[in-house]
Amino acid sequence: MKNLFKSTLALCLTLFSLLSINAQQKRNMENTALLIIDIQNDYFPAGKMELAGAAPAANNAKKILDYFRKNNLPVIHIKHIATNDGAGFFLPDTSGAEINSLVSPKSNEKIIIKHFPNSFRETGLSEYLEKSGIKNLVITGMMTDVCVDSTVRAAFDFGLKNTVIGDATATRDRELNGEVIKAPEVQKSFLAGMSALGNLYAEIVNTAAFLSGK
């Protein structure tokens, strides 16, 4: 009976290891970095540009960040500093422009400052990725329809393969010709656009699916 128990336990451990390896193979994180875009205080309650669902999105981004840290995978934080005339948020030297504490960078993680929606424009992001051998990006951040969308499309133009964690992004209500388009509709439309034509610009997955290796 004792030998049978040991054999059963060994079999269970072997199956668990195989499942873990299979999940990693499905995900294939080789040459992959996490890109966290503009998860900054002004997007949260009491900030100057509050988004719908900023906190849940940031909490999901933290889960992805924890995964990358646990597996010693590269992490890049994008921080927007507004320099354009009339800007009302992410202003230089303000607490609203600081990266939110949920995803605070560690000392060994890259921080790139940008001044435009596209994280590649007039930054060293492309050069850094090339130098680091990064070919795939896992992307979280805000706002879905502005900085996330423009960065994803630019990354595609640079030949990168993108995975966007849909529930780790957020936006706000928009207006078009006097009609208010609610944030969830904006969110779904832009994520659908990124994944159009067979995930042309990005594959869209949720946090749970990504962490389970699906």
Protein backbone atom coordinates (compact mmCIF):
# COMPACT_ATOMS: atom_id res chain seq x y z
CA MET A 1 0.00 0.00 0.00
CA LYS A 2 2.86 2.34 0.87
CA ASN A 3 4.54 1.69 -2.48
CA LEU A 4 1.24 2.25 -4.27
CA PHE A 5 0.85 5.63 -2.56
CA LYS A 6 4.38 6.65 -3.57
CA SER A 7 3.77 5.58 -7.16
CA THR A 8 0.48 7.50 -7.30
CA LEU A 9 2.08 10.61 -5.83
CA ALA A 10 4.97 10.42 -8.30
CA LEU A 11 2.51 10.06 -11.19
CA CYS A 12 0.53 13.12 -10.01
CA LEU A 13 3.68 15.21 -9.73
CA THR A 14 4.78 14.12 -13.20
CA LEU A 15 1.39 15.04 -14.68
CA PHE A 16 1.48 18.43 -12.95
CA SER A 17 4.95 19.11 -14.35
CA LEU A 18 3.85 18.13 -17.84
CA LEU A 19 0.83 20.43 -17.62
CA SER A 20 3.04 23.32 -16.48
CA ILE A 21 5.49 22.71 -19.31
CA ASN A 22 2.60 22.50 -21.79
CA ALA A 23 1.23 25.85 -20.58
CA GLN A 24 4.64 27.45 -21.05
CA GLN A 25 4.94 25.94 -24.52
CA LYS A 26 1.50 27.28 -25.46
CA ARG A 27 2.49 30.72 -24.28
CA ASN A 28 6.07 30.66 -25.64
CA MET A 29 7.54 33.64 -23.82
CA GLU A 30 10.86 33.59 -25.64
CA ASN A 31 11.99 37.09 -26.75
CA THR A 32 8.92 38.61 -25.07
CA ALA A 33 8.60 41.75 -22.94
CA LEU A 34 5.74 43.29 -21.00
CA LEU A 35 4.80 46.82 -22.02
CA ILE A 36 2.78 48.77 -19.42
CA ILE A 37 1.43 51.96 -20.99
CA ASP A 38 0.47 55.07 -18.99
CA ILE A 39 -1.00 53.48 -15.86
CA GLN A 40 -0.65 56.82 -14.09
CA ASN A 41 -2.48 58.51 -11.24
CA ASP A 42 -4.48 61.02 -13.28
CA TYR A 43 -6.49 58.13 -14.74
CA PHE A 44 -7.76 57.05 -11.31
CA PRO A 45 -10.46 58.51 -9.03
CA ALA A 46 -9.54 62.07 -7.96
CA GLY A 47 -7.24 62.32 -10.98
CA LYS A 48 -7.63 64.89 -13.74
CA MET A 49 -8.75 62.39 -16.40
CA GLU A 50 -10.55 59.55 -14.62
CA LEU A 51 -11.25 56.48 -16.72
CA ALA A 52 -14.02 53.92 -16.48
CA GLY A 53 -12.67 50.81 -14.81
CA ALA A 54 -9.15 52.09 -14.23
CA ALA A 55 -8.71 50.24 -10.95
CA PRO A 56 -9.83 46.77 -12.17
CA ALA A 57 -7.69 47.17 -15.29
CA ALA A 58 -4.67 48.18 -13.21
CA ASN A 59 -5.20 45.24 -10.86
CA ASN A 60 -5.16 42.90 -13.84
CA ALA A 61 -2.05 44.62 -15.17
CA LYS A 62 -0.45 43.96 -11.78
CA LYS A 63 -1.22 40.25 -12.10
CA ILE A 64 0.52 40.19 -15.48
CA LEU A 65 3.41 42.20 -14.04
CA ASP A 66 3.76 39.74 -11.16
CA TYR A 67 3.93 36.88 -13.66
CA PHE A 68 6.71 38.56 -15.64
CA ARG A 69 8.66 39.32 -12.48
CA LYS A 70 8.27 35.79 -11.15
CA ASN A 71 9.61 34.39 -14.42
CA ASN A 72 12.42 36.96 -14.74
CA LEU A 73 11.04 38.32 -18.00
CA PRO A 74 11.69 41.89 -19.19
CA VAL A 75 9.31 44.67 -18.18
CA ILE A 76 9.03 48.12 -19.78
CA HIS A 77 7.04 50.95 -18.23
CA ILE A 78 5.79 53.74 -20.50
CA LYS A 79 5.20 57.05 -18.75
CA HIS A 80 3.49 59.95 -20.52
CA ILE A 81 4.52 63.49 -19.69
CA ALA A 82 2.34 66.14 -21.37
CA THR A 83 4.28 68.96 -23.01
CA ASN A 84 1.67 70.16 -25.53
CA ASP A 85 -0.05 73.51 -25.08
CA GLY A 86 -3.32 73.28 -23.18
CA ALA A 87 -2.66 69.85 -21.69
CA GLY A 88 -4.80 69.21 -18.63
CA PHE A 89 -3.31 66.02 -17.20
CA PHE A 90 0.00 64.15 -16.90
CA LEU A 91 1.63 67.51 -16.36
CA PRO A 92 5.35 67.58 -15.51
CA ASP A 93 6.28 67.36 -11.82
CA THR A 94 2.75 66.50 -10.65
CA SER A 95 1.55 63.50 -8.65
CA GLY A 96 -1.01 62.80 -11.37
CA ALA A 97 1.77 62.04 -13.82
CA GLU A 98 3.36 59.44 -11.56
CA ILE A 99 3.00 55.74 -12.32
CA ASN A 100 0.29 54.26 -10.11
CA SER A 101 1.49 52.30 -7.09
CA LEU A 102 -0.17 49.10 -8.30
CA VAL A 103 2.45 48.78 -11.03
CA SER A 104 5.34 50.80 -9.60
CA PRO A 105 8.57 50.06 -11.47
CA LYS A 106 11.41 48.22 -9.81
CA SER A 107 14.96 49.54 -10.14
CA ASN A 108 15.86 46.95 -12.78
CA GLU A 109 12.86 47.70 -15.01
CA LYS A 110 13.06 50.03 -17.97
CA ILE A 111 11.10 53.31 -17.90
CA ILE A 112 10.54 55.20 -21.15
CA ILE A 113 9.15 58.72 -21.20
CA LYS A 114 6.91 59.70 -24.09
CA HIS A 115 5.13 62.88 -25.14
CA PHE A 116 2.82 61.48 -27.84
CA PRO A 117 0.20 58.70 -27.88
CA ASN A 118 2.48 56.39 -29.87
CA SER A 119 5.08 55.00 -27.46
CA PHE A 120 7.59 54.67 -30.32
CA ARG A 121 7.44 58.29 -31.46
CA GLU A 122 10.56 60.24 -30.47
CA THR A 123 11.50 57.72 -27.79
CA GLY A 124 14.17 55.05 -27.62
CA LEU A 125 11.65 52.21 -27.42
CA SER A 126 12.33 50.68 -30.84
CA GLU A 127 16.10 50.79 -30.33
CA TYR A 128 15.79 49.30 -26.85
CA LEU A 129 13.64 46.42 -28.08
CA GLU A 130 15.99 45.66 -30.95
CA LYS A 131 19.06 45.79 -28.71
CA SER A 132 17.36 43.50 -26.19
CA GLY A 133 16.27 41.00 -28.84
CA ILE A 134 12.58 41.53 -28.09
CA LYS A 135 10.29 40.35 -30.87
CA ASN A 136 7.00 39.94 -28.98
CA LEU A 137 5.10 42.34 -26.73
CA VAL A 138 2.47 41.67 -24.10
CA ILE A 139 0.65 44.99 -23.70
CA THR A 140 -1.43 46.46 -20.89
CA GLY A 141 -2.35 50.06 -20.17
CA MET A 142 -4.44 53.12 -20.86
CA MET A 143 -6.24 54.57 -22.78
CA THR A 144 -7.30 51.67 -24.95
CA ASP A 145 -8.39 53.80 -27.90
CA VAL A 146 -5.53 56.30 -27.78
CA CYS A 147 -2.08 55.35 -26.50
CA VAL A 148 -2.61 51.60 -26.43
CA ASP A 149 -4.11 51.50 -29.91
CA SER A 150 -1.50 53.77 -31.49
CA THR A 151 1.35 51.86 -29.85
CA VAL A 152 0.01 48.47 -30.92
CA ARG A 153 -0.30 49.57 -34.54
CA ALA A 154 3.17 51.12 -34.52
CA ALA A 155 4.61 47.95 -33.00
CA PHE A 156 3.08 45.96 -35.84
CA ASP A 157 4.77 48.29 -38.33
CA PHE A 158 8.09 47.57 -36.61
CA GLY A 159 7.52 43.85 -37.15
CA LEU A 160 6.62 42.98 -33.56
CA LYS A 161 4.03 40.40 -32.56
CA ASN A 162 1.54 41.79 -30.05
CA THR A 163 -0.68 40.30 -27.39
CA VAL A 164 -3.02 42.76 -25.67
CA ILE A 165 -4.49 41.85 -22.29
CA GLY A 166 -7.95 43.25 -22.94
CA ASP A 167 -9.15 43.43 -19.35
CA ALA A 168 -5.91 45.13 -18.33
CA THR A 169 -6.76 48.17 -20.44
CA ALA A 170 -9.30 50.96 -19.89
CA THR A 171 -10.80 54.05 -21.48
CA ARG A 172 -13.67 56.52 -20.93
CA ASP A 173 -16.88 57.70 -22.60
CA ARG A 174 -16.41 59.42 -25.96
CA GLU A 175 -18.61 61.81 -27.94
CA LEU A 176 -19.25 61.77 -31.68
CA ASN A 177 -21.53 64.34 -33.33
CA GLY A 178 -23.35 64.92 -30.08
CA GLU A 179 -23.81 61.24 -29.30
CA VAL A 180 -22.15 59.74 -26.24
CA ILE A 181 -20.46 56.40 -26.84
CA LYS A 182 -20.08 54.63 -23.52
CA ALA A 183 -16.68 53.40 -22.43
CA PRO A 184 -17.49 49.66 -22.69
CA GLU A 185 -18.51 50.12 -26.33
CA VAL A 186 -15.38 52.12 -27.10
CA GLN A 187 -13.33 49.44 -25.37
CA LYS A 188 -14.87 46.56 -27.31
CA SER A 189 -14.71 48.36 -30.65
CA PHE A 190 -11.03 49.22 -30.39
CA LEU A 191 -10.01 45.80 -29.12
CA ALA A 192 -11.99 44.25 -31.97
CA GLY A 193 -10.22 46.52 -34.42
CA MET A 194 -6.78 45.50 -33.17
CA SER A 195 -7.66 41.83 -33.60
CA ALA A 196 -9.32 42.23 -37.01
CA LEU A 197 -8.25 40.16 -40.01
CA GLY A 198 -7.01 37.23 -37.97
CA ASN A 199 -5.29 39.17 -35.17
CA LEU A 200 -3.47 41.40 -37.66
CA TYR A 201 -2.32 43.97 -35.10
CA ALA A 202 -2.70 41.97 -31.90
CA GLU A 203 -4.17 38.91 -30.29
CA ILE A 204 -6.60 39.92 -27.54
CA VAL A 205 -6.76 37.73 -24.45
CA ASN A 206 -7.93 38.29 -20.90
CA THR A 207 -5.82 38.04 -17.78
CA ALA A 208 -7.05 34.64 -16.65
CA ALA A 209 -6.48 33.10 -20.08
CA PHE A 210 -2.99 34.50 -20.34
CA LEU A 211 -1.97 33.29 -16.89
CA SER A 212 -3.37 29.83 -17.59
CA GLY A 213 -1.33 29.57 -20.76
CA LYS A 214 -4.24 29.70 -23.19
